[in-house]
Amino acid sequence: MNPRERFAAAALVSLALHALVLYAVGVPLAPSPGDPPPLEARIVSRPPPLAKPAPVAKPAPKRSAPEVRRVAPPVPVVPTPGPLALAPQPEPETAPEPQEPAPAAAEPTPPPQQVATIAPSVPEPPVHTLPRRGRITYTLSYGEAAHNVGRVVQSWEASDGTYTLASDAETTGIVEFFRPQRLRYMSQGKITAQGLRPDSFLMSRTRRGQTEAARARFDWSALNLVYGNAREEKSAALPAGAQDVMSFIYQLALVPPSPGSYQLPITTGFRFETYEIEVRSEERIETPIGALRALPVRQKPTPGEESIEVWLASEYRYLPVRIRYFDREGNASGEQMVSEIRLSEE
């Protein structure tokens, strides 16, 4: 091969490599404004496991139950075990002797029925609380090959009944060199008996040197939501339990849902819509910080719309440790995996 032929071959190889790099860079940094932010994990404590000792107390009540009936006077023994609170059920067995007291046995039944009907209408209080300060770091990958394209840091502060949540995502490596992007979410509001109640939300995305932003303002006294950007603002009725794409993941961490389907009103700053959420049974997943038990929460896909799936680690206060993104065709397009979690009560 003469020098001219060798030079031409080398030039073709160089062009092919450049084309491959440019194609790999055409990856979006993070989900569209409608998608929630990412999370990282390395936790200090594992509160949830403490709740499991409850079942151990059950066998004790069964043995002490008969003794309590024989010694009716010592009431202090009865309240100790939780199950004995249901003792009124056995009383009907002695009631048959005096036939008249039969109606008395029927009297205790109404109270439980009333509680059952009222309970659903009363919001359940948060099962968990946010540490005073926290920071979660994630790695952001793209495609089935899981190419590392970015980094996400989520942080928060909670004190005096208020909270501030922030998420900052940025491209790294070769993607940062060819197509840098920045995405920021910020949610601020109050912490109530029902969890997080956002007052304001901000979304800001910078790419190709241009920045686009959207905001949302929650007016709970007037039950009104104002959202949009500088060019156009919209308003809508504000339903109870409404969240933004940043706060809703942490709301799930405070009040972990049971397996089933749910509807959550959520704003992205640009839009306000109801998300169809499906919660599956807990499963075990592998992460850089070890194998974790996690609760999968999937946004039911809508034709032509992007969606996400979040894994909440039950061993670590149900903080989100993995977030997967799906494109408009329903295919997995990217993933956010926890690499570190830092918590502080100071």
C-alpha atoms as a PDB file:
ATOM      1  CA  MET A   1       0.000   0.000   0.000  1.00  0.00           C
ATOM      2  CA  ASN A   2       1.545   3.283  -1.119  1.00  0.00           C
ATOM      3  CA  PRO A   3       1.653   6.344   1.191  1.00  0.00           C
ATOM      4  CA  ARG A   4      -1.441   7.926  -0.370  1.00  0.00           C
ATOM      5  CA  GLU A   5      -3.545   4.799   0.229  1.00  0.00           C
ATOM      6  CA  ARG A   6      -2.384   4.536   3.866  1.00  0.00           C
ATOM      7  CA  PHE A   7      -3.250   8.190   4.471  1.00  0.00           C
ATOM      8  CA  ALA A   8      -6.759   7.748   3.009  1.00  0.00           C
ATOM      9  CA  ALA A   9      -7.446   4.695   5.204  1.00  0.00           C
ATOM     10  CA  ALA A  10      -6.333   6.517   8.337  1.00  0.00           C
ATOM     11  CA  ALA A  11      -8.598   9.439   7.497  1.00  0.00           C
ATOM     12  CA  LEU A  12     -11.642   7.154   7.128  1.00  0.00           C
ATOM     13  CA  VAL A  13     -10.997   5.516  10.529  1.00  0.00           C
ATOM     14  CA  SER A  14     -10.698   8.923  12.171  1.00  0.00           C
ATOM     15  CA  LEU A  15     -13.998  10.083  10.671  1.00  0.00           C
ATOM     16  CA  ALA A  16     -15.754   6.916  11.894  1.00  0.00           C
ATOM     17  CA  LEU A  17     -14.552   7.421  15.467  1.00  0.00           C
ATOM     18  CA  HIS A  18     -15.718  11.033  15.466  1.00  0.00           C
ATOM     19  CA  ALA A  19     -19.144   9.990  14.232  1.00  0.00           C
ATOM     20  CA  LEU A  20     -19.464   7.381  16.999  1.00  0.00           C
ATOM     21  CA  VAL A  21     -18.575   9.914  19.685  1.00  0.00           C
ATOM     22  CA  LEU A  22     -21.045  12.468  18.384  1.00  0.00           C
ATOM     23  CA  TYR A  23     -23.809   9.844  18.258  1.00  0.00           C
ATOM     24  CA  ALA A  24     -23.148   8.726  21.828  1.00  0.00           C
ATOM     25  CA  VAL A  25     -23.348  12.303  23.026  1.00  0.00           C
ATOM     26  CA  GLY A  26     -26.869  12.805  21.771  1.00  0.00           C
ATOM     27  CA  VAL A  27     -28.261  11.648  25.095  1.00  0.00           C
ATOM     28  CA  PRO A  28     -30.621  13.747  27.193  1.00  0.00           C
ATOM     29  CA  LEU A  29     -29.226  14.535  30.625  1.00  0.00           C
ATOM     30  CA  ALA A  30     -32.328  14.019  32.670  1.00  0.00           C
ATOM     31  CA  PRO A  31     -36.048  13.517  32.274  1.00  0.00           C
ATOM     32  CA  SER A  32     -38.260  16.210  30.881  1.00  0.00           C
ATOM     33  CA  PRO A  33     -39.677  18.784  33.320  1.00  0.00           C
ATOM     34  CA  GLY A  34     -42.432  16.300  34.078  1.00  0.00           C
ATOM     35  CA  ASP A  35     -40.025  13.810  35.602  1.00  0.00           C
ATOM     36  CA  PRO A  36     -38.962  13.870  39.218  1.00  0.00           C
ATOM     37  CA  PRO A  37     -35.348  14.309  40.389  1.00  0.00           C
ATOM     38  CA  PRO A  38     -32.820  11.585  41.273  1.00  0.00           C
ATOM     39  CA  LEU A  39     -31.471  10.147  44.479  1.00  0.00           C
ATOM     40  CA  GLU A  40     -28.378   8.614  46.135  1.00  0.00           C
ATOM     41  CA  ALA A  41     -27.900   6.442  49.136  1.00  0.00           C
ATOM     42  CA  ARG A  42     -25.682   5.679  52.068  1.00  0.00           C
ATOM     43  CA  ILE A  43     -27.676   5.876  55.273  1.00  0.00           C
ATOM     44  CA  VAL A  44     -26.789   6.247  58.932  1.00  0.00           C
ATOM     45  CA  SER A  45     -29.565   4.298  60.585  1.00  0.00           C
ATOM     46  CA  ARG A  46     -32.183   1.709  59.758  1.00  0.00           C
ATOM     47  CA  PRO A  47     -35.350   2.680  61.638  1.00  0.00           C
ATOM     48  CA  PRO A  48     -37.777   0.387  59.793  1.00  0.00           C
ATOM     49  CA  PRO A  49     -36.334  -2.889  61.197  1.00  0.00           C
ATOM     50  CA  LEU A  50     -37.365  -1.767  64.704  1.00  0.00           C
ATOM     51  CA  ALA A  51     -41.006  -2.088  63.753  1.00  0.00           C
ATOM     52  CA  LYS A  52     -40.704  -5.873  63.219  1.00  0.00           C
ATOM     53  CA  PRO A  53     -40.413  -6.789  66.932  1.00  0.00           C
ATOM     54  CA  ALA A  54     -44.159  -6.114  67.229  1.00  0.00           C
ATOM     55  CA  PRO A  55     -45.138  -9.663  66.154  1.00  0.00           C
ATOM     56  CA  VAL A  56     -43.054 -11.159  68.993  1.00  0.00           C
ATOM     57  CA  ALA A  57     -45.411  -9.615  71.523  1.00  0.00           C
ATOM     58  CA  LYS A  58     -48.379 -11.535  70.105  1.00  0.00           C
ATOM     59  CA  PRO A  59     -47.638 -14.980  71.673  1.00  0.00           C
ATOM     60  CA  ALA A  60     -47.419 -13.466  75.169  1.00  0.00           C
ATOM     61  CA  PRO A  61     -50.979 -12.121  75.104  1.00  0.00           C
ATOM     62  CA  LYS A  62     -52.388 -15.564  74.215  1.00  0.00           C
ATOM     63  CA  ARG A  63     -50.981 -17.144  77.384  1.00  0.00           C
ATOM     64  CA  SER A  64     -51.957 -14.267  79.638  1.00  0.00           C
ATOM     65  CA  ALA A  65     -55.453 -13.890  78.169  1.00  0.00           C
ATOM     66  CA  PRO A  66     -57.023 -16.734  80.179  1.00  0.00           C
ATOM     67  CA  GLU A  67     -55.382 -15.510  83.380  1.00  0.00           C
ATOM     68  CA  VAL A  68     -56.913 -12.080  82.924  1.00  0.00           C
ATOM     69  CA  ARG A  69     -60.410 -13.521  82.731  1.00  0.00           C
ATOM     70  CA  ARG A  70     -59.965 -15.459  85.967  1.00  0.00           C
ATOM     71  CA  VAL A  71     -58.583 -12.445  87.756  1.00  0.00           C
ATOM     72  CA  ALA A  72     -60.912  -9.738  86.554  1.00  0.00           C
ATOM     73  CA  PRO A  73     -59.955  -7.173  89.231  1.00  0.00           C
ATOM     74  CA  PRO A  74     -56.293  -6.708  88.215  1.00  0.00           C
ATOM     75  CA  VAL A  75     -57.015  -4.502  85.215  1.00  0.00           C
ATOM     76  CA  PRO A  76     -53.370  -3.350  84.921  1.00  0.00           C
ATOM     77  CA  VAL A  77     -52.457  -6.748  83.475  1.00  0.00           C
ATOM     78  CA  VAL A  78     -54.924  -6.405  80.621  1.00  0.00           C
ATOM     79  CA  PRO A  79     -53.699  -3.202  78.975  1.00  0.00           C
ATOM     80  CA  THR A  80     -50.130  -4.329  78.581  1.00  0.00           C
ATOM     81  CA  PRO A  81     -50.527  -6.574  75.538  1.00  0.00           C
ATOM     82  CA  GLY A  82     -52.063  -4.898  72.490  1.00  0.00           C
ATOM     83  CA  PRO A  83     -54.185  -7.913  71.469  1.00  0.00           C
ATOM     84  CA  LEU A  84     -56.095  -7.873  74.765  1.00  0.00           C
ATOM     85  CA  ALA A  85     -57.779  -4.699  73.622  1.00  0.00           C
ATOM     86  CA  LEU A  86     -59.964  -6.975  71.534  1.00  0.00           C
ATOM     87  CA  ALA A  87     -61.042  -8.961  74.615  1.00  0.00           C
ATOM     88  CA  PRO A  88     -64.631  -7.647  74.425  1.00  0.00           C
ATOM     89  CA  GLN A  89     -65.259 -10.256  71.705  1.00  0.00           C
ATOM     90  CA  PRO A  90     -65.101 -13.277  74.102  1.00  0.00           C
ATOM     91  CA  GLU A  91     -67.606 -11.683  76.499  1.00  0.00           C
ATOM     92  CA  PRO A  92     -70.604 -12.796  74.454  1.00  0.00           C
ATOM     93  CA  GLU A  93     -69.755 -16.389  75.521  1.00  0.00           C
ATOM     94  CA  THR A  94     -70.703 -15.632  79.141  1.00  0.00           C
ATOM     95  CA  ALA A  95     -73.608 -13.441  78.106  1.00  0.00           C
ATOM     96  CA  PRO A  96     -75.814 -16.370  77.038  1.00  0.00           C
ATOM     97  CA  GLU A  97     -76.373 -17.358  80.692  1.00  0.00           C
ATOM     98  CA  PRO A  98     -78.290 -14.156  81.478  1.00  0.00           C
ATOM     99  CA  GLN A  99     -80.328 -13.805  78.294  1.00  0.00           C
ATOM    100  CA  GLU A 100     -81.109 -10.189  79.108  1.00  0.00           C
ATOM    101  CA  PRO A 101     -77.496  -8.971  78.866  1.00  0.00           C
ATOM    102  CA  ALA A 102     -77.496 -10.112  75.217  1.00  0.00           C
ATOM    103  CA  PRO A 103     -78.261  -6.593  74.019  1.00  0.00           C
ATOM    104  CA  ALA A 104     -75.339  -5.327  76.091  1.00  0.00           C
ATOM    105  CA  ALA A 105     -73.028  -7.483  73.978  1.00  0.00           C
ATOM    106  CA  ALA A 106     -74.412  -5.807  70.881  1.00  0.00           C
ATOM    107  CA  GLU A 107     -73.592  -2.350  72.261  1.00  0.00           C
ATOM    108  CA  PRO A 108     -69.786  -2.673  71.941  1.00  0.00           C
ATOM    109  CA  THR A 109     -70.129  -3.561  68.249  1.00  0.00           C
ATOM    110  CA  PRO A 110     -71.313  -0.147  66.978  1.00  0.00           C
ATOM    111  CA  PRO A 111     -68.163   1.743  68.023  1.00  0.00           C
ATOM    112  CA  PRO A 112     -65.841  -0.339  65.791  1.00  0.00           C
ATOM    113  CA  GLN A 113     -68.185   0.182  62.823  1.00  0.00           C
ATOM    114  CA  GLN A 114     -68.088   3.946  63.263  1.00  0.00           C
ATOM    115  CA  VAL A 115     -64.291   3.996  63.417  1.00  0.00           C
ATOM    116  CA  ALA A 116     -64.069   1.949  60.218  1.00  0.00           C
ATOM    117  CA  THR A 117     -66.197   4.432  58.324  1.00  0.00           C
ATOM    118  CA  ILE A 118     -64.411   7.491  59.689  1.00  0.00           C
ATOM    119  CA  ALA A 119     -60.858   6.198  59.305  1.00  0.00           C
ATOM    120  CA  PRO A 120     -60.764   6.337  55.503  1.00  0.00           C
ATOM    121  CA  SER A 121     -61.684  10.015  55.491  1.00  0.00           C
ATOM    122  CA  VAL A 122     -58.913  10.985  57.928  1.00  0.00           C
ATOM    123  CA  PRO A 123     -55.413  11.289  56.332  1.00  0.00           C
ATOM    124  CA  GLU A 124     -52.832   9.015  57.916  1.00  0.00           C
ATOM    125  CA  PRO A 125     -49.943  10.814  59.646  1.00  0.00           C
ATOM    126  CA  PRO A 126     -46.395  10.400  58.287  1.00  0.00           C
ATOM    127  CA  VAL A 127     -44.774   7.126  59.249  1.00  0.00           C
ATOM    128  CA  HIS A 128     -41.278   8.572  58.862  1.00  0.00           C
ATOM    129  CA  THR A 129     -39.621  11.962  59.261  1.00  0.00           C
ATOM    130  CA  LEU A 130     -36.931  13.709  57.238  1.00  0.00           C
ATOM    131  CA  PRO A 131     -33.534  14.128  58.916  1.00  0.00           C
ATOM    132  CA  ARG A 132     -32.737  17.780  59.557  1.00  0.00           C
ATOM    133  CA  ARG A 133     -30.263  17.749  56.662  1.00  0.00           C
ATOM    134  CA  GLY A 134     -29.546  15.232  53.942  1.00  0.00           C
ATOM    135  CA  ARG A 135     -27.667  14.754  50.704  1.00  0.00           C
ATOM    136  CA  ILE A 136     -28.007  11.945  48.152  1.00  0.00           C
ATOM    137  CA  THR A 137     -25.619  11.499  45.221  1.00  0.00           C
ATOM    138  CA  TYR A 138     -26.416   9.490  42.086  1.00  0.00           C
ATOM    139  CA  THR A 139     -24.757   8.438  38.868  1.00  0.00           C
ATOM    140  CA  LEU A 140     -26.802   9.029  35.724  1.00  0.00           C
ATOM    141  CA  SER A 141     -26.549   6.459  32.925  1.00  0.00           C
ATOM    142  CA  TYR A 142     -28.081   6.270  29.479  1.00  0.00           C
ATOM    143  CA  GLY A 143     -29.352   3.439  27.284  1.00  0.00           C
ATOM    144  CA  GLU A 144     -29.281  -0.324  27.737  1.00  0.00           C
ATOM    145  CA  ALA A 145     -25.484  -0.273  27.900  1.00  0.00           C
ATOM    146  CA  ALA A 146     -25.758   2.075  30.914  1.00  0.00           C
ATOM    147  CA  HIS A 147     -23.187   4.600  29.692  1.00  0.00           C
ATOM    148  CA  ASN A 148     -22.302   7.010  32.487  1.00  0.00           C
ATOM    149  CA  VAL A 149     -23.324  10.472  31.261  1.00  0.00           C
ATOM    150  CA  GLY A 150     -23.901  12.556  34.384  1.00  0.00           C
ATOM    151  CA  ARG A 151     -24.204  13.120  38.104  1.00  0.00           C
ATOM    152  CA  VAL A 152     -27.167  14.119  40.267  1.00  0.00           C
ATOM    153  CA  VAL A 153     -27.142  15.531  43.804  1.00  0.00           C
ATOM    154  CA  GLN A 154     -30.314  15.925  45.838  1.00  0.00           C
ATOM    155  CA  SER A 155     -30.243  17.758  49.164  1.00  0.00           C
ATOM    156  CA  TRP A 156     -32.693  19.056  51.730  1.00  0.00           C
ATOM    157  CA  GLU A 157     -33.100  20.950  54.986  1.00  0.00           C
ATOM    158  CA  ALA A 158     -36.040  20.505  57.343  1.00  0.00           C
ATOM    159  CA  SER A 159     -36.621  22.591  60.478  1.00  0.00           C
ATOM    160  CA  ASP A 160     -39.370  24.422  62.350  1.00  0.00           C
ATOM    161  CA  GLY A 161     -42.086  22.747  60.292  1.00  0.00           C
ATOM    162  CA  THR A 162     -40.657  23.846  56.925  1.00  0.00           C
ATOM    163  CA  TYR A 163     -38.570  22.152  54.238  1.00  0.00           C
ATOM    164  CA  THR A 164     -36.398  22.982  51.220  1.00  0.00           C
ATOM    165  CA  LEU A 165     -35.633  20.291  48.640  1.00  0.00           C
ATOM    166  CA  ALA A 166     -33.162  20.764  45.782  1.00  0.00           C
ATOM    167  CA  SER A 167     -31.928  18.585  42.933  1.00  0.00           C
ATOM    168  CA  ASP A 168     -28.974  19.481  40.696  1.00  0.00           C
ATOM    169  CA  ALA A 169     -28.090  17.352  37.672  1.00  0.00           C
ATOM    170  CA  GLU A 170     -25.190  17.884  35.288  1.00  0.00           C
ATOM    171  CA  THR A 171     -23.460  16.076  32.457  1.00  0.00           C
ATOM    172  CA  THR A 172     -19.974  14.647  32.965  1.00  0.00           C
ATOM    173  CA  GLY A 173     -17.174  13.186  30.878  1.00  0.00           C
ATOM    174  CA  ILE A 174     -17.284  13.360  27.096  1.00  0.00           C
ATOM    175  CA  VAL A 175     -20.961  14.357  27.136  1.00  0.00           C
ATOM    176  CA  GLU A 176     -20.096  17.418  29.208  1.00  0.00           C
ATOM    177  CA  PHE A 177     -17.469  18.356  26.623  1.00  0.00           C
ATOM    178  CA  PHE A 178     -19.739  18.086  23.575  1.00  0.00           C
ATOM    179  CA  ARG A 179     -23.205  18.816  24.985  1.00  0.00           C
ATOM    180  CA  PRO A 180     -23.222  20.266  28.532  1.00  0.00           C
ATOM    181  CA  GLN A 181     -26.544  20.442  30.356  1.00  0.00           C
ATOM    182  CA  ARG A 182     -27.753  21.545  33.773  1.00  0.00           C
ATOM    183  CA  LEU A 183     -31.099  20.753  35.381  1.00  0.00           C
ATOM    184  CA  ARG A 184     -32.269  22.151  38.715  1.00  0.00           C
ATOM    185  CA  TYR A 185     -35.414  21.514  40.755  1.00  0.00           C
ATOM    186  CA  MET A 186     -36.315  23.311  43.976  1.00  0.00           C
ATOM    187  CA  SER A 187     -39.362  22.764  46.176  1.00  0.00           C
ATOM    188  CA  GLN A 188     -40.172  24.707  49.344  1.00  0.00           C
ATOM    189  CA  GLY A 189     -43.067  24.327  51.736  1.00  0.00           C
ATOM    190  CA  LYS A 190     -44.288  23.082  55.097  1.00  0.00           C
ATOM    191  CA  ILE A 191     -44.211  19.759  56.916  1.00  0.00           C
ATOM    192  CA  THR A 192     -47.671  18.883  58.238  1.00  0.00           C
ATOM    193  CA  ALA A 193     -49.281  15.905  59.946  1.00  0.00           C
ATOM    194  CA  GLN A 194     -49.980  14.523  56.463  1.00  0.00           C
ATOM    195  CA  GLY A 195     -46.435  15.032  55.153  1.00  0.00           C
ATOM    196  CA  LEU A 196     -45.080  17.641  52.731  1.00  0.00           C
ATOM    197  CA  ARG A 197     -47.241  20.562  51.589  1.00  0.00           C
ATOM    198  CA  PRO A 198     -45.375  22.556  48.908  1.00  0.00           C
ATOM    199  CA  ASP A 199     -45.743  26.337  48.664  1.00  0.00           C
ATOM    200  CA  SER A 200     -43.496  26.959  45.644  1.00  0.00           C
ATOM    201  CA  PHE A 201     -41.618  25.015  42.967  1.00  0.00           C
ATOM    202  CA  LEU A 202     -38.933  26.041  40.450  1.00  0.00           C
ATOM    203  CA  MET A 203     -37.543  24.158  37.447  1.00  0.00           C
ATOM    204  CA  SER A 204     -34.551  25.461  35.483  1.00  0.00           C
ATOM    205  CA  ARG A 205     -32.809  23.744  32.550  1.00  0.00           C
ATOM    206  CA  THR A 206     -29.737  25.039  30.704  1.00  0.00           C
ATOM    207  CA  ARG A 207     -28.565  23.453  27.462  1.00  0.00           C
ATOM    208  CA  ARG A 208     -26.746  24.737  24.400  1.00  0.00           C
ATOM    209  CA  GLY A 209     -26.230  27.995  26.278  1.00  0.00           C
ATOM    210  CA  GLN A 210     -29.963  28.677  26.682  1.00  0.00           C
ATOM    211  CA  THR A 211     -31.989  28.473  29.895  1.00  0.00           C
ATOM    212  CA  GLU A 212     -35.680  27.700  30.225  1.00  0.00           C
ATOM    213  CA  ALA A 213     -37.550  27.940  33.514  1.00  0.00           C
ATOM    214  CA  ALA A 214     -40.989  27.233  34.954  1.00  0.00           C
ATOM    215  CA  ARG A 215     -42.592  27.913  38.330  1.00  0.00           C
ATOM    216  CA  ALA A 216     -45.579  26.865  40.397  1.00  0.00           C
ATOM    217  CA  ARG A 217     -47.201  28.663  43.352  1.00  0.00           C
ATOM    218  CA  PHE A 218     -49.502  26.775  45.721  1.00  0.00           C
ATOM    219  CA  ASP A 219     -52.148  28.995  47.360  1.00  0.00           C
ATOM    220  CA  TRP A 220     -53.678  26.639  49.926  1.00  0.00           C
ATOM    221  CA  SER A 221     -55.913  29.286  51.498  1.00  0.00           C
ATOM    222  CA  ALA A 222     -57.609  29.981  48.157  1.00  0.00           C
ATOM    223  CA  LEU A 223     -57.085  26.388  46.920  1.00  0.00           C
ATOM    224  CA  ASN A 224     -55.527  27.735  43.728  1.00  0.00           C
ATOM    225  CA  LEU A 225     -52.408  26.719  41.778  1.00  0.00           C
ATOM    226  CA  VAL A 226     -50.603  29.105  39.401  1.00  0.00           C
ATOM    227  CA  TYR A 227     -47.980  27.542  37.106  1.00  0.00           C
ATOM    228  CA  GLY A 228     -46.132  28.203  33.845  1.00  0.00           C
ATOM    229  CA  ASN A 229     -43.215  30.262  32.516  1.00  0.00           C
ATOM    230  CA  ALA A 230     -42.515  33.927  31.773  1.00  0.00           C
ATOM    231  CA  ARG A 231     -44.463  33.757  28.505  1.00  0.00           C
ATOM    232  CA  GLU A 232     -47.596  32.082  29.820  1.00  0.00           C
ATOM    233  CA  GLU A 233     -49.140  31.400  33.220  1.00  0.00           C
ATOM    234  CA  LYS A 234     -52.100  29.166  33.984  1.00  0.00           C
ATOM    235  CA  SER A 235     -54.193  28.545  37.070  1.00  0.00           C
ATOM    236  CA  ALA A 236     -56.123  25.538  38.310  1.00  0.00           C
ATOM    237  CA  ALA A 237     -58.081  24.383  41.339  1.00  0.00           C
ATOM    238  CA  LEU A 238     -55.708  23.014  43.971  1.00  0.00           C
ATOM    239  CA  PRO A 239     -56.825  19.599  45.288  1.00  0.00           C
ATOM    240  CA  ALA A 240     -55.757  18.213  48.655  1.00  0.00           C
ATOM    241  CA  GLY A 241     -52.490  16.298  48.548  1.00  0.00           C
ATOM    242  CA  ALA A 242     -51.160  18.040  45.412  1.00  0.00           C
ATOM    243  CA  GLN A 243     -47.364  17.856  44.977  1.00  0.00           C
ATOM    244  CA  ASP A 244     -44.617  18.929  42.576  1.00  0.00           C
ATOM    245  CA  VAL A 245     -42.236  16.557  40.783  1.00  0.00           C
ATOM    246  CA  MET A 246     -39.562  17.157  43.426  1.00  0.00           C
ATOM    247  CA  SER A 247     -41.650  16.839  46.586  1.00  0.00           C
ATOM    248  CA  PHE A 248     -43.800  13.883  45.581  1.00  0.00           C
ATOM    249  CA  ILE A 249     -40.945  11.355  45.833  1.00  0.00           C
ATOM    250  CA  TYR A 250     -40.102  12.509  49.358  1.00  0.00           C
ATOM    251  CA  GLN A 251     -43.783  12.500  50.253  1.00  0.00           C
ATOM    252  CA  LEU A 252     -43.770   8.797  49.341  1.00  0.00           C
ATOM    253  CA  ALA A 253     -40.737   8.368  51.616  1.00  0.00           C
ATOM    254  CA  LEU A 254     -42.595   9.955  54.553  1.00  0.00           C
ATOM    255  CA  VAL A 255     -45.817   8.022  53.968  1.00  0.00           C
ATOM    256  CA  PRO A 256     -44.885   4.783  52.138  1.00  0.00           C
ATOM    257  CA  PRO A 257     -47.949   3.504  50.243  1.00  0.00           C
ATOM    258  CA  SER A 258     -49.159  -0.089  50.374  1.00  0.00           C
ATOM    259  CA  PRO A 259     -49.181  -2.128  47.141  1.00  0.00           C
ATOM    260  CA  GLY A 260     -51.992  -0.938  44.875  1.00  0.00           C
ATOM    261  CA  SER A 261     -52.960   1.840  42.461  1.00  0.00           C
ATOM    262  CA  TYR A 262     -53.144   5.535  43.359  1.00  0.00           C
ATOM    263  CA  GLN A 263     -53.787   8.915  41.761  1.00  0.00           C
ATOM    264  CA  LEU A 264     -51.555  11.874  42.623  1.00  0.00           C
ATOM    265  CA  PRO A 265     -52.052  15.470  41.362  1.00  0.00           C
ATOM    266  CA  ILE A 266     -48.562  16.696  40.398  1.00  0.00           C
ATOM    267  CA  THR A 267     -47.179  19.809  38.697  1.00  0.00           C
ATOM    268  CA  THR A 268     -43.965  19.993  36.666  1.00  0.00           C
ATOM    269  CA  GLY A 269     -44.066  23.780  36.543  1.00  0.00           C
ATOM    270  CA  PHE A 270     -45.097  23.561  32.886  1.00  0.00           C
ATOM    271  CA  ARG A 271     -48.072  21.268  33.419  1.00  0.00           C
ATOM    272  CA  PHE A 272     -50.464  20.126  36.132  1.00  0.00           C
ATOM    273  CA  GLU A 273     -51.941  16.658  35.815  1.00  0.00           C
ATOM    274  CA  THR A 274     -52.911  13.551  37.736  1.00  0.00           C
ATOM    275  CA  TYR A 275     -50.314  10.778  37.786  1.00  0.00           C
ATOM    276  CA  GLU A 276     -51.517   7.187  37.854  1.00  0.00           C
ATOM    277  CA  ILE A 277     -49.213   5.434  40.320  1.00  0.00           C
ATOM    278  CA  GLU A 278     -48.818   1.685  40.755  1.00  0.00           C
ATOM    279  CA  VAL A 279     -47.085   0.348  43.881  1.00  0.00           C
ATOM    280  CA  ARG A 280     -45.815  -3.236  43.764  1.00  0.00           C
ATOM    281  CA  SER A 281     -44.628  -5.553  46.521  1.00  0.00           C
ATOM    282  CA  GLU A 282     -41.216  -5.025  48.053  1.00  0.00           C
ATOM    283  CA  GLU A 283     -38.289  -6.575  46.181  1.00  0.00           C
ATOM    284  CA  ARG A 284     -34.532  -6.850  46.549  1.00  0.00           C
ATOM    285  CA  ILE A 285     -32.272  -4.796  44.272  1.00  0.00           C
ATOM    286  CA  GLU A 286     -28.506  -4.500  43.831  1.00  0.00           C
ATOM    287  CA  THR A 287     -26.923  -1.058  44.283  1.00  0.00           C
ATOM    288  CA  PRO A 288     -23.370   0.299  44.674  1.00  0.00           C
ATOM    289  CA  ILE A 289     -24.020   0.494  48.430  1.00  0.00           C
ATOM    290  CA  GLY A 290     -25.185  -3.121  48.650  1.00  0.00           C
ATOM    291  CA  ALA A 291     -28.319  -5.231  48.195  1.00  0.00           C
ATOM    292  CA  LEU A 292     -31.408  -3.400  49.463  1.00  0.00           C
ATOM    293  CA  ARG A 293     -35.060  -4.173  50.048  1.00  0.00           C
ATOM    294  CA  ALA A 294     -37.023  -1.583  48.094  1.00  0.00           C
ATOM    295  CA  LEU A 295     -40.613  -0.666  47.279  1.00  0.00           C
ATOM    296  CA  PRO A 296     -41.124  -0.182  43.505  1.00  0.00           C
ATOM    297  CA  VAL A 297     -43.393   2.758  42.576  1.00  0.00           C
ATOM    298  CA  ARG A 298     -44.163   3.029  38.847  1.00  0.00           C
ATOM    299  CA  GLN A 299     -45.921   5.847  37.031  1.00  0.00           C
ATOM    300  CA  LYS A 300     -48.369   4.153  34.687  1.00  0.00           C
ATOM    301  CA  PRO A 301     -47.309   5.096  31.150  1.00  0.00           C
ATOM    302  CA  THR A 302     -49.593   7.243  29.005  1.00  0.00           C
ATOM    303  CA  PRO A 303     -49.337   6.822  25.204  1.00  0.00           C
ATOM    304  CA  GLY A 304     -46.936   9.414  23.819  1.00  0.00           C
ATOM    305  CA  GLU A 305     -45.722  10.512  27.277  1.00  0.00           C
ATOM    306  CA  GLU A 306     -42.556   9.834  29.255  1.00  0.00           C
ATOM    307  CA  SER A 307     -42.749   8.110  32.657  1.00  0.00           C
ATOM    308  CA  ILE A 308     -40.588   7.025  35.592  1.00  0.00           C
ATOM    309  CA  GLU A 309     -40.197   4.261  38.161  1.00  0.00           C
ATOM    310  CA  VAL A 310     -38.777   4.822  41.650  1.00  0.00           C
ATOM    311  CA  TRP A 311     -37.416   2.334  44.194  1.00  0.00           C
ATOM    312  CA  LEU A 312     -37.798   3.380  47.861  1.00  0.00           C
ATOM    313  CA  ALA A 313     -35.354   1.600  50.206  1.00  0.00           C
ATOM    314  CA  SER A 314     -37.305   0.292  53.206  1.00  0.00           C
ATOM    315  CA  GLU A 315     -34.062  -0.272  55.118  1.00  0.00           C
ATOM    316  CA  TYR A 316     -33.169   3.398  54.745  1.00  0.00           C
ATOM    317  CA  ARG A 317     -36.271   5.401  55.659  1.00  0.00           C
ATOM    318  CA  TYR A 318     -37.795   4.726  52.247  1.00  0.00           C
ATOM    319  CA  LEU A 319     -35.480   7.197  50.542  1.00  0.00           C
ATOM    320  CA  PRO A 320     -35.339   6.803  46.750  1.00  0.00           C
ATOM    321  CA  VAL A 321     -32.251   4.826  45.770  1.00  0.00           C
ATOM    322  CA  ARG A 322     -32.999   4.136  42.120  1.00  0.00           C
ATOM    323  CA  ILE A 323     -34.971   6.000  39.440  1.00  0.00           C
ATOM    324  CA  ARG A 324     -35.548   4.651  35.943  1.00  0.00           C
ATOM    325  CA  TYR A 325     -36.762   6.784  33.034  1.00  0.00           C
ATOM    326  CA  PHE A 326     -38.914   5.613  30.128  1.00  0.00           C
ATOM    327  CA  ASP A 327     -39.272   7.356  26.769  1.00  0.00           C
ATOM    328  CA  ARG A 328     -42.533   8.069  24.933  1.00  0.00           C
ATOM    329  CA  GLU A 329     -42.517   4.568  23.438  1.00  0.00           C
ATOM    330  CA  GLY A 330     -42.280   3.007  26.902  1.00  0.00           C
ATOM    331  CA  ASN A 331     -38.641   1.910  26.539  1.00  0.00           C
ATOM    332  CA  ALA A 332     -36.111   2.413  29.340  1.00  0.00           C
ATOM    333  CA  SER A 333     -34.031   5.424  28.318  1.00  0.00           C
ATOM    334  CA  GLY A 334     -31.918   6.111  31.389  1.00  0.00           C
ATOM    335  CA  GLU A 335     -31.350   5.381  35.057  1.00  0.00           C
ATOM    336  CA  GLN A 336     -30.308   7.173  38.196  1.00  0.00           C
ATOM    337  CA  MET A 337     -28.536   4.941  40.754  1.00  0.00           C
ATOM    338  CA  VAL A 338     -27.615   5.941  44.289  1.00  0.00           C
ATOM    339  CA  SER A 339     -23.910   6.027  45.148  1.00  0.00           C
ATOM    340  CA  GLU A 340     -23.941   7.801  48.512  1.00  0.00           C
ATOM    341  CA  ILE A 341     -26.328   9.067  51.204  1.00  0.00           C
ATOM    342  CA  ARG A 342     -25.393  11.482  53.980  1.00  0.00           C
ATOM    343  CA  LEU A 343     -27.751  12.437  56.795  1.00  0.00           C
ATOM    344  CA  SER A 344     -27.434  14.795  59.740  1.00  0.00           C
ATOM    345  CA  GLU A 345     -29.648  15.884  62.623  1.00  0.00           C
ATOM    346  CA  GLU A 346     -27.521  18.945  63.392  1.00  0.00           C
END
